[in-house]
Amino acid sequence: MTDETPIMDIWGHIGELRNRLFKALLALVLTTTISFAIADQLVDLLALPIGGKAALVSIEVTENISIFMKVSLLSGFILAFPIILYQLLAFILPGLLPNEKRWVLFSLPFATGMFVVGVLFAFYVMLPAALPFLTNFMGIKTMPRPNNYFDFVTNLLFWIGISFETPLFMFILARFKVITAEQLAKQWRIAVVIIAIAAAVITPTPDPINMSLLMAPLLALYGLSIILAKIARPKEKEA
């Protein structure tokens, strides 16, 4: 009986994880379905930085349907983000102390807000700066395909939105005593190098101006991470 108990516990955790993932997936399916109703307006909005849909040229029969689905999926993910995050965090909540559960639940609106801020930053700052460089490089006129353009835009919005979750991630690590604010402050040089590499990967253009546009908020977010790590462990002192 004793030998079977750990195995039963493992299968119980797997079943719980499966249920949580199913609920997260169901939320994504529902919000994506809802997004179908506003996908046309979202496509119009996302096409504004390039000059509207008239600036795009479709050359494949299924291309327009493809971008309709991609935009709906991105919209669905943003709408379902709080639910998805809650389901993932709820999986670990039973193993937490009551005060730790409160911190995790408190982080949900913050995480959603930071993701939305990242998406807005990418749309209103990064795209207007990057697109003129890309479409006028070497003086060659560019007529982007919808599939290529919306792949580019949705990937940029998504990954910058995710990168804006860094402070929350650091807060949780500090709360669970994996890191401290002092450690983050001491390792700022390494952080700058990592942020520069991340900005170079995420930034759609190779020029240093656009890379700096992304590095600036990421560095600010790292500073916010240090502050939140200190809040998470206010009584911790450097060993």
Protein backbone atom coordinates (compact mmCIF):
# COMPACT_ATOMS: atom_id res chain seq x y z
CA MET A 1 0.00 0.00 0.00
CA THR A 2 2.84 2.33 0.88
CA ASP A 3 4.61 1.59 -2.41
CA GLU A 4 1.46 2.32 -4.42
CA THR A 5 0.76 5.68 -2.78
CA PRO A 6 3.55 7.67 -4.52
CA ILE A 7 2.47 6.20 -7.88
CA MET A 8 -1.15 7.18 -7.21
CA ASP A 9 0.00 10.68 -6.23
CA ILE A 10 1.95 11.03 -9.48
CA TRP A 11 -1.03 9.96 -11.57
CA GLY A 12 -3.20 12.34 -9.57
CA HIS A 13 -0.86 15.24 -10.39
CA ILE A 14 -0.81 14.24 -14.06
CA GLY A 15 -4.61 14.13 -14.10
CA GLU A 16 -4.79 17.56 -12.44
CA LEU A 17 -2.33 18.99 -14.97
CA ARG A 18 -4.32 17.50 -17.83
CA ASN A 19 -7.52 19.10 -16.51
CA ARG A 20 -5.83 22.48 -16.10
CA LEU A 21 -4.38 22.35 -19.61
CA PHE A 22 -7.75 21.31 -21.01
CA LYS A 23 -9.45 24.30 -19.36
CA ALA A 24 -6.74 26.63 -20.67
CA LEU A 25 -7.14 25.19 -24.17
CA LEU A 26 -10.93 25.47 -23.95
CA ALA A 27 -10.60 29.14 -22.96
CA LEU A 28 -8.30 29.73 -25.93
CA VAL A 29 -10.73 28.04 -28.31
CA LEU A 30 -13.66 30.11 -27.00
CA THR A 31 -11.84 33.45 -27.12
CA THR A 32 -10.45 32.67 -30.57
CA THR A 33 -13.96 31.84 -31.76
CA ILE A 34 -15.18 35.16 -30.35
CA SER A 35 -12.28 36.89 -32.10
CA PHE A 36 -13.58 35.68 -35.46
CA ALA A 37 -16.34 38.29 -35.14
CA ILE A 38 -13.83 41.16 -34.92
CA ALA A 39 -10.99 39.70 -37.00
CA ASP A 40 -11.69 42.00 -39.97
CA GLN A 41 -11.41 45.09 -37.77
CA LEU A 42 -8.24 43.72 -36.16
CA VAL A 43 -6.67 43.09 -39.57
CA ASP A 44 -7.47 46.68 -40.53
CA LEU A 45 -5.89 47.89 -37.30
CA LEU A 46 -2.73 45.80 -37.65
CA ALA A 47 -2.33 46.90 -41.27
CA LEU A 48 -2.30 50.60 -40.36
CA PRO A 49 1.50 50.82 -39.81
CA ILE A 50 2.13 49.55 -43.36
CA GLY A 51 -0.44 51.91 -44.89
CA GLY A 52 -3.56 49.77 -44.68
CA LYS A 53 -4.60 46.58 -46.45
CA ALA A 54 -4.27 48.34 -49.80
CA ALA A 55 -0.49 48.27 -49.37
CA LEU A 56 -0.48 44.46 -49.22
CA VAL A 57 -0.52 42.13 -52.21
CA SER A 58 -1.89 38.59 -51.88
CA ILE A 59 -0.61 36.01 -54.38
CA GLU A 60 -2.02 32.78 -52.97
CA VAL A 61 -5.61 31.56 -52.85
CA THR A 62 -5.53 30.63 -49.15
CA GLU A 63 -3.38 33.53 -47.97
CA ASN A 64 -6.20 35.79 -46.81
CA ILE A 65 -7.83 32.98 -44.83
CA SER A 66 -4.46 32.23 -43.24
CA ILE A 67 -4.00 35.76 -41.93
CA PHE A 68 -7.61 35.82 -40.72
CA MET A 69 -6.87 32.75 -38.60
CA LYS A 70 -3.51 34.04 -37.31
CA VAL A 71 -4.95 37.37 -36.22
CA SER A 72 -7.91 35.64 -34.58
CA LEU A 73 -5.54 33.31 -32.72
CA LEU A 74 -3.41 36.19 -31.44
CA SER A 75 -6.51 38.05 -30.32
CA GLY A 76 -7.85 34.89 -28.70
CA PHE A 77 -4.58 34.34 -26.83
CA ILE A 78 -4.57 37.90 -25.48
CA LEU A 79 -8.20 37.58 -24.32
CA ALA A 80 -7.58 34.15 -22.79
CA PHE A 81 -4.22 35.08 -21.24
CA PRO A 82 -5.56 35.68 -17.69
CA ILE A 83 -7.39 32.33 -17.74
CA ILE A 84 -4.42 30.43 -19.18
CA LEU A 85 -2.09 31.94 -16.61
CA TYR A 86 -4.51 31.22 -13.78
CA GLN A 87 -4.85 27.55 -14.78
CA LEU A 88 -1.07 27.13 -14.87
CA LEU A 89 -0.64 28.84 -11.51
CA ALA A 90 -3.61 26.99 -9.98
CA PHE A 91 -1.79 23.74 -10.66
CA ILE A 92 0.87 24.71 -8.12
CA LEU A 93 -1.45 26.51 -5.67
CA PRO A 94 -2.34 23.42 -3.58
CA GLY A 95 1.32 23.09 -2.60
CA LEU A 96 1.62 26.69 -1.46
CA LEU A 97 1.06 28.36 1.89
CA PRO A 98 -1.99 30.68 2.21
CA ASN A 99 0.14 33.85 2.01
CA GLU A 100 1.94 32.48 -1.06
CA LYS A 101 -1.40 31.78 -2.75
CA ARG A 102 -2.41 35.41 -2.19
CA TRP A 103 0.80 36.61 -3.87
CA VAL A 104 0.22 34.34 -6.86
CA LEU A 105 -3.40 35.47 -7.31
CA PHE A 106 -2.33 39.10 -6.91
CA SER A 107 0.11 38.64 -9.80
CA LEU A 108 -2.62 37.70 -12.32
CA PRO A 109 -3.88 41.23 -13.18
CA PHE A 110 -0.30 42.52 -13.11
CA ALA A 111 0.82 39.83 -15.57
CA THR A 112 -2.09 40.57 -17.91
CA GLY A 113 -1.45 44.30 -17.75
CA MET A 114 2.28 43.89 -18.48
CA PHE A 115 1.55 41.66 -21.47
CA VAL A 116 -0.88 44.21 -22.89
CA VAL A 117 1.63 47.03 -22.30
CA GLY A 118 4.24 45.02 -24.20
CA VAL A 119 1.87 44.48 -27.12
CA LEU A 120 0.98 48.20 -27.22
CA PHE A 121 4.66 49.16 -27.07
CA ALA A 122 5.44 46.87 -29.99
CA PHE A 123 2.55 48.23 -32.04
CA TYR A 124 2.90 51.95 -31.37
CA VAL A 125 6.70 52.24 -30.97
CA MET A 126 8.52 49.31 -32.57
CA LEU A 127 6.45 48.88 -35.73
CA PRO A 128 6.40 52.56 -36.80
CA ALA A 129 10.18 52.66 -36.34
CA ALA A 130 10.96 49.34 -38.02
CA LEU A 131 8.67 49.29 -41.05
CA PRO A 132 10.05 52.37 -42.88
CA PHE A 133 13.56 50.93 -42.57
CA LEU A 134 12.48 47.52 -43.86
CA THR A 135 10.27 48.69 -46.72
CA ASN A 136 12.72 51.30 -48.03
CA PHE A 137 16.00 49.48 -47.56
CA MET A 138 18.37 50.03 -50.53
CA GLY A 139 15.73 52.20 -52.17
CA ILE A 140 13.84 49.18 -53.51
CA LYS A 141 10.07 49.46 -53.38
CA THR A 142 8.53 46.75 -51.21
CA MET A 143 5.00 45.41 -51.61
CA PRO A 144 4.61 43.02 -48.69
CA ARG A 145 2.51 39.88 -48.89
CA PRO A 146 -0.22 39.66 -46.23
CA ASN A 147 1.06 36.31 -44.96
CA ASN A 148 4.59 37.63 -44.50
CA TYR A 149 3.49 40.94 -43.00
CA PHE A 150 1.05 39.50 -40.47
CA ASP A 151 3.50 36.75 -39.49
CA PHE A 152 6.01 39.48 -38.81
CA VAL A 153 3.56 41.66 -36.86
CA THR A 154 1.94 38.92 -34.76
CA ASN A 155 5.31 37.37 -33.83
CA LEU A 156 6.67 40.78 -32.83
CA LEU A 157 3.62 41.62 -30.72
CA PHE A 158 3.61 38.21 -29.04
CA TRP A 159 7.30 37.99 -28.12
CA ILE A 160 7.58 41.56 -26.89
CA GLY A 161 4.42 40.99 -24.85
CA ILE A 162 6.05 37.90 -23.32
CA SER A 163 9.31 39.77 -22.64
CA PHE A 164 7.35 42.32 -20.59
CA GLU A 165 6.51 39.51 -18.16
CA THR A 166 10.12 39.53 -16.89
CA PRO A 167 9.39 41.53 -13.68
CA LEU A 168 6.62 39.13 -12.66
CA PHE A 169 8.83 36.12 -13.38
CA MET A 170 11.60 37.57 -11.23
CA PHE A 171 9.10 38.41 -8.49
CA ILE A 172 7.88 34.81 -8.35
CA LEU A 173 11.45 33.46 -8.30
CA ALA A 174 12.29 35.83 -5.45
CA ARG A 175 9.13 34.89 -3.58
CA PHE A 176 10.13 31.22 -3.75
CA LYS A 177 13.66 32.14 -2.61
CA VAL A 178 15.37 31.19 -5.85
CA ILE A 179 16.90 34.64 -6.33
CA THR A 180 17.31 37.87 -4.34
CA ALA A 181 17.23 41.54 -5.25
CA GLU A 182 20.89 41.78 -4.26
CA GLN A 183 21.84 39.03 -6.70
CA LEU A 184 19.97 40.76 -9.52
CA ALA A 185 21.64 44.07 -8.73
CA LYS A 186 25.11 42.51 -8.65
CA GLN A 187 24.59 40.75 -11.99
CA TRP A 188 23.48 43.85 -13.89
CA ARG A 189 26.38 43.63 -16.36
CA ILE A 190 25.39 40.10 -17.35
CA ALA A 191 21.78 41.24 -17.57
CA VAL A 192 22.73 44.02 -20.00
CA VAL A 193 24.50 41.50 -22.26
CA ILE A 194 21.52 39.10 -22.15
CA ILE A 195 19.08 41.94 -22.84
CA ALA A 196 21.21 43.10 -25.79
CA ILE A 197 21.19 39.58 -27.25
CA ALA A 198 17.43 39.25 -26.70
CA ALA A 199 16.82 42.65 -28.31
CA ALA A 200 18.96 41.66 -31.30
CA VAL A 201 16.93 38.46 -31.74
CA ILE A 202 13.49 40.03 -31.27
CA THR A 203 14.15 43.29 -33.13
CA PRO A 204 13.07 42.89 -36.76
CA THR A 205 15.81 45.15 -38.15
CA PRO A 206 19.60 44.97 -37.82
CA ASP A 207 20.11 48.68 -37.13
CA PRO A 208 21.16 49.80 -33.63
CA ILE A 209 18.39 52.43 -33.38
CA ASN A 210 15.54 49.91 -33.37
CA MET A 211 17.55 47.59 -31.16
CA SER A 212 17.99 50.45 -28.67
CA LEU A 213 14.24 51.12 -28.76
CA LEU A 214 13.66 47.65 -27.40
CA MET A 215 16.66 47.58 -25.06
CA ALA A 216 15.54 50.72 -23.20
CA PRO A 217 12.24 49.28 -21.85
CA LEU A 218 13.85 45.87 -21.21
CA LEU A 219 16.51 47.53 -19.07
CA ALA A 220 13.78 49.48 -17.26
CA LEU A 221 11.92 46.20 -16.71
CA TYR A 222 15.08 44.69 -15.22
CA GLY A 223 15.23 47.59 -12.79
CA LEU A 224 11.57 46.98 -11.94
CA SER A 225 12.44 43.30 -11.43
CA ILE A 226 14.98 44.28 -8.77
CA ILE A 227 12.39 46.40 -6.98
CA LEU A 228 9.77 43.64 -7.09
CA ALA A 229 12.30 41.07 -5.90
CA LYS A 230 12.98 43.34 -2.93
CA ILE A 231 9.24 43.62 -2.24
CA ALA A 232 8.92 39.83 -2.46
CA ARG A 233 11.61 39.35 0.21
CA PRO A 234 11.72 42.63 2.17
CA LYS A 235 13.51 41.22 5.19
CA GLU A 236 16.18 39.33 3.26
CA LYS A 237 19.69 40.62 3.64
CA GLU A 238 22.75 39.84 1.64
CA ALA A 239 24.60 36.86 3.08
